[in-house]
PDB file of N, CA and C in Angstrom:
ATOM      1  N   MET A   1       0.853  -1.172  -0.005  1.00  0.00           N
ATOM      2  CA  MET A   1      -0.007   0.016  -0.009  1.00  0.00           C
ATOM      3  C   MET A   1       0.888   1.223  -0.001  1.00  0.00           C
ATOM      4  N   GLU A   2       0.497   2.211  -0.767  1.00  0.00           N
ATOM      5  CA  GLU A   2       1.212   3.521  -0.782  1.00  0.00           C
ATOM      6  C   GLU A   2       0.209   4.594  -0.443  1.00  0.00           C
ATOM      7  N   ILE A   3       0.519   5.339   0.627  1.00  0.00           N
ATOM      8  CA  ILE A   3      -0.333   6.497   1.004  1.00  0.00           C
ATOM      9  C   ILE A   3       0.032   7.648   0.142  1.00  0.00           C
ATOM     10  N   ILE A   4      -0.958   8.177  -0.568  1.00  0.00           N
ATOM     11  CA  ILE A   4      -0.743   9.297  -1.481  1.00  0.00           C
ATOM     12  C   ILE A   4      -1.114  10.600  -0.844  1.00  0.00           C
ATOM     13  N   GLY A   5      -2.149  10.567   0.005  1.00  0.00           N
ATOM     14  CA  GLY A   5      -2.560  11.785   0.686  1.00  0.00           C
ATOM     15  C   GLY A   5      -3.385  11.450   1.942  1.00  0.00           C
ATOM     16  N   MET A   6      -3.386  12.376   2.881  1.00  0.00           N
ATOM     17  CA  MET A   6      -4.148  12.146   4.117  1.00  0.00           C
ATOM     18  C   MET A   6      -4.513  13.473   4.720  1.00  0.00           C
ATOM     19  N   GLU A   7      -5.795  13.554   5.174  1.00  0.00           N
ATOM     20  CA  GLU A   7      -6.228  14.740   5.930  1.00  0.00           C
ATOM     21  C   GLU A   7      -6.929  14.221   7.170  1.00  0.00           C
ATOM     22  N   ILE A   8      -6.510  14.712   8.312  1.00  0.00           N
ATOM     23  CA  ILE A   8      -7.039  14.279   9.594  1.00  0.00           C
ATOM     24  C   ILE A   8      -8.072  15.328  10.081  1.00  0.00           C
ATOM     25  N   MET A   9      -9.272  14.874  10.286  1.00  0.00           N
ATOM     26  CA  MET A   9     -10.328  15.717  10.779  1.00  0.00           C
ATOM     27  C   MET A   9     -10.543  15.405  12.287  1.00  0.00           C
ATOM     28  N   SER A  10     -11.422  16.163  12.892  1.00  0.00           N
ATOM     29  CA  SER A  10     -11.655  15.922  14.334  1.00  0.00           C
ATOM     30  C   SER A  10     -12.267  14.566  14.649  1.00  0.00           C
ATOM     31  N   ASP A  11     -13.041  14.046  13.734  1.00  0.00           N
ATOM     32  CA  ASP A  11     -13.716  12.772  14.020  1.00  0.00           C
ATOM     33  C   ASP A  11     -13.546  11.685  12.942  1.00  0.00           C
ATOM     34  N   HIS A  12     -12.738  11.970  11.920  1.00  0.00           N
ATOM     35  CA  HIS A  12     -12.465  11.003  10.914  1.00  0.00           C
ATOM     36  C   HIS A  12     -11.233  11.334  10.102  1.00  0.00           C
ATOM     37  N   VAL A  13     -10.841  10.484   9.247  1.00  0.00           N
ATOM     38  CA  VAL A  13      -9.606  10.658   8.458  1.00  0.00           C
ATOM     39  C   VAL A  13      -9.923  10.425   6.999  1.00  0.00           C
ATOM     40  N   HIS A  14      -9.423  11.277   6.136  1.00  0.00           N
ATOM     41  CA  HIS A  14      -9.487  11.071   4.668  1.00  0.00           C
ATOM     42  C   HIS A  14      -8.150  10.490   4.308  1.00  0.00           C
ATOM     43  N   LEU A  15      -8.143   9.341   3.678  1.00  0.00           N
ATOM     44  CA  LEU A  15      -6.888   8.644   3.272  1.00  0.00           C
ATOM     45  C   LEU A  15      -6.996   8.316   1.801  1.00  0.00           C
ATOM     46  N   LEU A  16      -6.020   8.783   1.011  1.00  0.00           N
ATOM     47  CA  LEU A  16      -5.913   8.466  -0.374  1.00  0.00           C
ATOM     48  C   LEU A  16      -4.746   7.512  -0.527  1.00  0.00           C
ATOM     49  N   ALA A  17      -5.036   6.289  -0.944  1.00  0.00           N
ATOM     50  CA  ALA A  17      -3.973   5.261  -0.992  1.00  0.00           C
ATOM     51  C   ALA A  17      -4.080   4.437  -2.257  1.00  0.00           C
ATOM     52  N   GLU A  18      -2.950   3.966  -2.708  1.00  0.00           N
ATOM     53  CA  GLU A  18      -2.922   2.994  -3.789  1.00  0.00           C
ATOM     54  C   GLU A  18      -2.742   1.637  -3.192  1.00  0.00           C
ATOM     55  N   ILE A  19      -3.723   0.775  -3.461  1.00  0.00           N
ATOM     56  CA  ILE A  19      -3.749  -0.545  -2.829  1.00  0.00           C
ATOM     57  C   ILE A  19      -3.792  -1.617  -3.961  1.00  0.00           C
ATOM     58  N   PRO A  20      -2.905  -2.577  -3.888  1.00  0.00           N
ATOM     59  CA  PRO A  20      -2.936  -3.667  -4.906  1.00  0.00           C
ATOM     60  C   PRO A  20      -4.287  -4.365  -4.858  1.00  0.00           C
ATOM     61  N   PRO A  21      -4.820  -4.838  -6.003  1.00  0.00           N
ATOM     62  CA  PRO A  21      -6.139  -5.452  -5.989  1.00  0.00           C
ATOM     63  C   PRO A  21      -6.213  -6.775  -5.226  1.00  0.00           C
ATOM     64  N   VAL A  22      -5.061  -7.340  -4.877  1.00  0.00           N
ATOM     65  CA  VAL A  22      -5.129  -8.630  -4.118  1.00  0.00           C
ATOM     66  C   VAL A  22      -5.346  -8.409  -2.620  1.00  0.00           C
ATOM     67  N   ILE A  23      -5.290  -7.161  -2.150  1.00  0.00           N
ATOM     68  CA  ILE A  23      -5.465  -6.865  -0.734  1.00  0.00           C
ATOM     69  C   ILE A  23      -6.910  -6.615  -0.453  1.00  0.00           C
ATOM     70  N   GLU A  24      -7.464  -7.284   0.579  1.00  0.00           N
ATOM     71  CA  GLU A  24      -8.851  -7.004   0.957  1.00  0.00           C
ATOM     72  C   GLU A  24      -8.954  -5.719   1.728  1.00  0.00           C
ATOM     73  N   VAL A  25      -9.757  -4.792   1.189  1.00  0.00           N
ATOM     74  CA  VAL A  25      -9.800  -3.437   1.730  1.00  0.00           C
ATOM     75  C   VAL A  25     -10.316  -3.505   3.175  1.00  0.00           C
ATOM     76  N   GLY A  26     -11.355  -4.265   3.447  1.00  0.00           N
ATOM     77  CA  GLY A  26     -11.901  -4.356   4.822  1.00  0.00           C
ATOM     78  C   GLY A  26     -10.864  -4.822   5.820  1.00  0.00           C
ATOM     79  N   ARG A  27     -10.076  -5.804   5.464  1.00  0.00           N
ATOM     80  CA  ARG A  27      -9.044  -6.290   6.369  1.00  0.00           C
ATOM     81  C   ARG A  27      -7.975  -5.191   6.600  1.00  0.00           C
ATOM     82  N   LEU A  28      -7.611  -4.523   5.531  1.00  0.00           N
ATOM     83  CA  LEU A  28      -6.607  -3.436   5.627  1.00  0.00           C
ATOM     84  C   LEU A  28      -7.103  -2.344   6.542  1.00  0.00           C
ATOM     85  N   ILE A  29      -8.334  -1.954   6.370  1.00  0.00           N
ATOM     86  CA  ILE A  29      -8.947  -0.898   7.220  1.00  0.00           C
ATOM     87  C   ILE A  29      -8.938  -1.313   8.693  1.00  0.00           C
ATOM     88  N   GLY A  30      -9.333  -2.570   8.922  1.00  0.00           N
ATOM     89  CA  GLY A  30      -9.310  -3.077  10.293  1.00  0.00           C
ATOM     90  C   GLY A  30      -7.958  -3.041  10.925  1.00  0.00           C
ATOM     91  N   ARG A  31      -6.959  -3.409  10.157  1.00  0.00           N
ATOM     92  CA  ARG A  31      -5.584  -3.389  10.685  1.00  0.00           C
ATOM     93  C   ARG A  31      -5.127  -1.968  10.935  1.00  0.00           C
ATOM     94  N   LEU A  32      -5.421  -1.026  10.016  1.00  0.00           N
ATOM     95  CA  LEU A  32      -5.032   0.377  10.235  1.00  0.00           C
ATOM     96  C   LEU A  32      -5.670   0.930  11.497  1.00  0.00           C
ATOM     97  N   LYS A  33      -6.958   0.653  11.621  1.00  0.00           N
ATOM     98  CA  LYS A  33      -7.662   1.138  12.814  1.00  0.00           C
ATOM     99  C   LYS A  33      -7.101   0.543  14.099  1.00  0.00           C
ATOM    100  N   GLY A  34      -6.837  -0.724  14.056  1.00  0.00           N
ATOM    101  CA  GLY A  34      -6.298  -1.451  15.251  1.00  0.00           C
ATOM    102  C   GLY A  34      -4.899  -0.907  15.587  1.00  0.00           C
ATOM    103  N   TYR A  35      -4.093  -0.702  14.585  1.00  0.00           N
ATOM    104  CA  TYR A  35      -2.724  -0.207  14.868  1.00  0.00           C
ATOM    105  C   TYR A  35      -2.785   1.212  15.440  1.00  0.00           C
ATOM    106  N   THR A  36      -3.614   2.096  14.867  1.00  0.00           N
ATOM    107  CA  THR A  36      -3.648   3.463  15.357  1.00  0.00           C
ATOM    108  C   THR A  36      -4.252   3.510  16.782  1.00  0.00           C
ATOM    109  N   SER A  37      -5.248   2.662  17.011  1.00  0.00           N
ATOM    110  CA  SER A  37      -5.838   2.619  18.335  1.00  0.00           C
ATOM    111  C   SER A  37      -4.833   2.154  19.378  1.00  0.00           C
ATOM    112  N   HIS A  38      -4.069   1.104  19.046  1.00  0.00           N
ATOM    113  CA  HIS A  38      -3.059   0.602  19.948  1.00  0.00           C
ATOM    114  C   HIS A  38      -1.980   1.651  20.154  1.00  0.00           C
ATOM    115  N   SER A  39      -1.543   2.334  19.150  1.00  0.00           N
ATOM    116  CA  SER A  39      -0.489   3.323  19.212  1.00  0.00           C
ATOM    117  C   SER A  39      -0.949   4.526  20.111  1.00  0.00           C
ATOM    118  N   LEU A  40      -2.190   4.973  19.913  1.00  0.00           N
ATOM    119  CA  LEU A  40      -2.682   6.087  20.715  1.00  0.00           C
ATOM    120  C   LEU A  40      -2.806   5.708  22.162  1.00  0.00           C
ATOM    121  N   ARG A  41      -3.294   4.513  22.462  1.00  0.00           N
ATOM    122  CA  ARG A  41      -3.399   4.066  23.851  1.00  0.00           C
ATOM    123  C   ARG A  41      -2.046   3.869  24.529  1.00  0.00           C
ATOM    124  N   LYS A  42      -1.064   3.471  23.726  1.00  0.00           N
ATOM    125  CA  LYS A  42       0.248   3.344  24.274  1.00  0.00           C
ATOM    126  C   LYS A  42       0.882   4.672  24.640  1.00  0.00           C
ATOM    127  N   GLU A  43       0.654   5.688  23.735  1.00  0.00           N
ATOM    128  CA  GLU A  43       1.209   7.017  23.961  1.00  0.00           C
ATOM    129  C   GLU A  43       0.404   7.808  24.999  1.00  0.00           C
ATOM    130  N   PHE A  44      -0.903   7.544  25.032  1.00  0.00           N
ATOM    131  CA  PHE A  44      -1.770   8.271  25.980  1.00  0.00           C
ATOM    132  C   PHE A  44      -2.533   7.270  26.812  1.00  0.00           C
ATOM    133  N   PRO A  45      -1.951   6.665  27.848  1.00  0.00           N
ATOM    134  CA  PRO A  45      -2.618   5.663  28.652  1.00  0.00           C
ATOM    135  C   PRO A  45      -3.923   6.071  29.254  1.00  0.00           C
ATOM    136  N   GLU A  46      -4.116   7.371  29.491  1.00  0.00           N
ATOM    137  CA  GLU A  46      -5.332   7.858  30.099  1.00  0.00           C
ATOM    138  C   GLU A  46      -6.585   7.614  29.184  1.00  0.00           C
ATOM    139  N   LEU A  47      -6.327   7.409  27.912  1.00  0.00           N
ATOM    140  CA  LEU A  47      -7.431   7.087  27.035  1.00  0.00           C
ATOM    141  C   LEU A  47      -8.101   5.809  27.380  1.00  0.00           C
ATOM    142  N   THR A  48      -7.350   4.870  27.897  1.00  0.00           N
ATOM    143  CA  THR A  48      -7.906   3.578  28.280  1.00  0.00           C
ATOM    144  C   THR A  48      -8.982   3.709  29.336  1.00  0.00           C
ATOM    145  N   ARG A  49      -8.783   4.649  30.253  1.00  0.00           N
ATOM    146  CA  ARG A  49      -9.788   4.902  31.329  1.00  0.00           C
ATOM    147  C   ARG A  49     -10.953   5.747  30.864  1.00  0.00           C
ATOM    148  N   LYS A  50     -10.662   6.726  29.967  1.00  0.00           N
ATOM    149  CA  LYS A  50     -11.692   7.677  29.577  1.00  0.00           C
ATOM    150  C   LYS A  50     -12.562   7.182  28.437  1.00  0.00           C
ATOM    151  N   LEU A  51     -11.993   6.413  27.517  1.00  0.00           N
ATOM    152  CA  LEU A  51     -12.739   5.963  26.356  1.00  0.00           C
ATOM    153  C   LEU A  51     -12.641   4.463  26.219  1.00  0.00           C
ATOM    154  N   PRO A  52     -13.731   3.763  26.351  1.00  0.00           N
ATOM    155  CA  PRO A  52     -13.655   2.287  26.244  1.00  0.00           C
ATOM    156  C   PRO A  52     -13.324   1.846  24.793  1.00  0.00           C
ATOM    157  N   CYS A  53     -13.655   2.665  23.823  1.00  0.00           N
ATOM    158  CA  CYS A  53     -13.367   2.319  22.429  1.00  0.00           C
ATOM    159  C   CYS A  53     -12.970   3.568  21.660  1.00  0.00           C
ATOM    160  N   LEU A  54     -11.901   3.512  20.932  1.00  0.00           N
ATOM    161  CA  LEU A  54     -11.439   4.662  20.169  1.00  0.00           C
ATOM    162  C   LEU A  54     -11.957   4.678  18.731  1.00  0.00           C
ATOM    163  N   ARG A  55     -12.513   3.585  18.308  1.00  0.00           N
ATOM    164  CA  ARG A  55     -12.932   3.521  16.911  1.00  0.00           C
ATOM    165  C   ARG A  55     -14.237   2.738  16.780  1.00  0.00           C
ATOM    166  N   THR A  56     -14.857   2.876  15.631  1.00  0.00           N
ATOM    167  CA  THR A  56     -16.053   2.097  15.306  1.00  0.00           C
ATOM    168  C   THR A  56     -15.696   1.102  14.212  1.00  0.00           C
ATOM    169  N   ASN A  57     -16.581   0.217  13.953  1.00  0.00           N
ATOM    170  CA  ASN A  57     -16.323  -0.742  12.866  1.00  0.00           C
ATOM    171  C   ASN A  57     -16.646  -0.157  11.497  1.00  0.00           C
ATOM    172  N   SER A  58     -17.264   1.025  11.490  1.00  0.00           N
ATOM    173  CA  SER A  58     -17.708   1.571  10.183  1.00  0.00           C
ATOM    174  C   SER A  58     -16.557   2.270   9.459  1.00  0.00           C
ATOM    175  N   TYR A  59     -16.659   2.282   8.152  1.00  0.00           N
ATOM    176  CA  TYR A  59     -15.804   2.996   7.296  1.00  0.00           C
ATOM    177  C   TYR A  59     -16.427   3.194   5.910  1.00  0.00           C
ATOM    178  N   PHE A  60     -15.915   4.151   5.158  1.00  0.00           N
ATOM    179  CA  PHE A  60     -16.398   4.388   3.839  1.00  0.00           C
ATOM    180  C   PHE A  60     -15.219   4.324   2.889  1.00  0.00           C
ATOM    181  N   VAL A  61     -15.395   3.565   1.794  1.00  0.00           N
ATOM    182  CA  VAL A  61     -14.370   3.394   0.808  1.00  0.00           C
ATOM    183  C   VAL A  61     -14.972   3.736  -0.576  1.00  0.00           C
ATOM    184  N   SER A  62     -14.200   4.475  -1.330  1.00  0.00           N
ATOM    185  CA  SER A  62     -14.597   4.744  -2.720  1.00  0.00           C
ATOM    186  C   SER A  62     -13.380   4.682  -3.605  1.00  0.00           C
ATOM    187  N   THR A  63     -13.595   4.279  -4.832  1.00  0.00           N
ATOM    188  CA  THR A  63     -12.496   4.250  -5.749  1.00  0.00           C
ATOM    189  C   THR A  63     -12.488   5.534  -6.587  1.00  0.00           C
ATOM    190  N   VAL A  64     -11.348   6.007  -7.010  1.00  0.00           N
ATOM    191  CA  VAL A  64     -11.296   7.191  -7.809  1.00  0.00           C
ATOM    192  C   VAL A  64     -11.128   6.911  -9.287  1.00  0.00           C
ATOM    193  N   GLY A  65     -10.873   5.658  -9.657  1.00  0.00           N
ATOM    194  CA  GLY A  65     -10.785   5.285 -11.039  1.00  0.00           C
ATOM    195  C   GLY A  65      -9.869   6.160 -11.855  1.00  0.00           C
ATOM    196  N   GLY A  66     -10.442   6.803 -12.858  1.00  0.00           N
ATOM    197  CA  GLY A  66      -9.648   7.639 -13.776  1.00  0.00           C
ATOM    198  C   GLY A  66      -9.570   9.069 -13.371  1.00  0.00           C
ATOM    199  N   ALA A  67     -10.086   9.450 -12.215  1.00  0.00           N
ATOM    200  CA  ALA A  67     -10.014  10.862 -11.761  1.00  0.00           C
ATOM    201  C   ALA A  67      -8.549  11.271 -11.543  1.00  0.00           C
ATOM    202  N   PRO A  68      -8.163  12.435 -11.942  1.00  0.00           N
ATOM    203  CA  PRO A  68      -6.813  12.903 -11.723  1.00  0.00           C
ATOM    204  C   PRO A  68      -6.549  12.984 -10.197  1.00  0.00           C
ATOM    205  N   LEU A  69      -5.410  12.485  -9.752  1.00  0.00           N
ATOM    206  CA  LEU A  69      -5.123  12.484  -8.311  1.00  0.00           C
ATOM    207  C   LEU A  69      -5.073  13.881  -7.736  1.00  0.00           C
ATOM    208  N   GLU A  70      -4.620  14.834  -8.501  1.00  0.00           N
ATOM    209  CA  GLU A  70      -4.560  16.232  -7.980  1.00  0.00           C
ATOM    210  C   GLU A  70      -5.944  16.776  -7.603  1.00  0.00           C
ATOM    211  N   ILE A  71      -6.951  16.363  -8.383  1.00  0.00           N
ATOM    212  CA  ILE A  71      -8.330  16.814  -8.087  1.00  0.00           C
ATOM    213  C   ILE A  71      -8.800  16.133  -6.779  1.00  0.00           C
ATOM    214  N   VAL A  72      -8.472  14.879  -6.602  1.00  0.00           N
ATOM    215  CA  VAL A  72      -8.874  14.171  -5.403  1.00  0.00           C
ATOM    216  C   VAL A  72      -8.166  14.779  -4.162  1.00  0.00           C
ATOM    217  N   LYS A  73      -6.864  15.063  -4.324  1.00  0.00           N
ATOM    218  CA  LYS A  73      -6.103  15.639  -3.252  1.00  0.00           C
ATOM    219  C   LYS A  73      -6.686  17.033  -2.892  1.00  0.00           C
ATOM    220  N   HIS A  74      -7.030  17.766  -3.881  1.00  0.00           N
ATOM    221  CA  HIS A  74      -7.605  19.089  -3.655  1.00  0.00           C
ATOM    222  C   HIS A  74      -8.924  19.014  -2.892  1.00  0.00           C
ATOM    223  N   TYR A  75      -9.781  18.010  -3.276  1.00  0.00           N
ATOM    224  CA  TYR A  75     -11.023  17.795  -2.589  1.00  0.00           C
ATOM    225  C   TYR A  75     -10.792  17.452  -1.115  1.00  0.00           C
ATOM    226  N   MET A  76      -9.822  16.635  -0.872  1.00  0.00           N
ATOM    227  CA  MET A  76      -9.518  16.243   0.536  1.00  0.00           C
ATOM    228  C   MET A  76      -9.040  17.431   1.342  1.00  0.00           C
ATOM    229  N   GLU A  77      -8.204  18.267   0.759  1.00  0.00           N
ATOM    230  CA  GLU A  77      -7.697  19.430   1.443  1.00  0.00           C
ATOM    231  C   GLU A  77      -8.872  20.401   1.721  1.00  0.00           C
ATOM    232  N   ASP A  78      -9.800  20.551   0.814  1.00  0.00           N
ATOM    233  CA  ASP A  78     -10.931  21.472   0.998  1.00  0.00           C
ATOM    234  C   ASP A  78     -11.831  21.007   2.115  1.00  0.00           C
ATOM    235  N   GLN A  79     -11.866  19.725   2.425  1.00  0.00           N
ATOM    236  CA  GLN A  79     -12.744  19.226   3.478  1.00  0.00           C
ATOM    237  C   GLN A  79     -12.375  19.733   4.851  1.00  0.00           C
ATOM    238  N   LYS A  80     -11.155  20.199   5.039  1.00  0.00           N
ATOM    239  CA  LYS A  80     -10.721  20.770   6.316  1.00  0.00           C
ATOM    240  C   LYS A  80     -11.563  22.023   6.652  1.00  0.00           C
ATOM    241  N   TYR A  81     -12.092  22.727   5.637  1.00  0.00           N
ATOM    242  CA  TYR A  81     -12.783  23.970   5.848  1.00  0.00           C
ATOM    243  C   TYR A  81     -14.260  23.862   5.811  1.00  0.00           C
ATOM    244  N   VAL A  82     -14.780  22.582   5.700  1.00  0.00           N
ATOM    245  CA  VAL A  82     -16.235  22.410   5.613  1.00  0.00           C
ATOM    246  C   VAL A  82     -16.812  22.267   7.019  1.00  0.00           C
TER     247      VAL A  82
END
């Protein structure tokens, strides 16, 4: 997987990535969420007491197909101001 772009919002993340077709997207998302949750709890132990769960099982995935990557990146950047 290659991360092409990322925008972090207060309650979600926009991630633009190139993923080989042999990788299951759902499994990849689960691993990313698990890794980030584990890393955050390790760095901020107080989260374990304050929040029983840092993530939900939900996610949204869309393909960009033939759309120019610069347009998709621009869209993601604009979402910071919405």
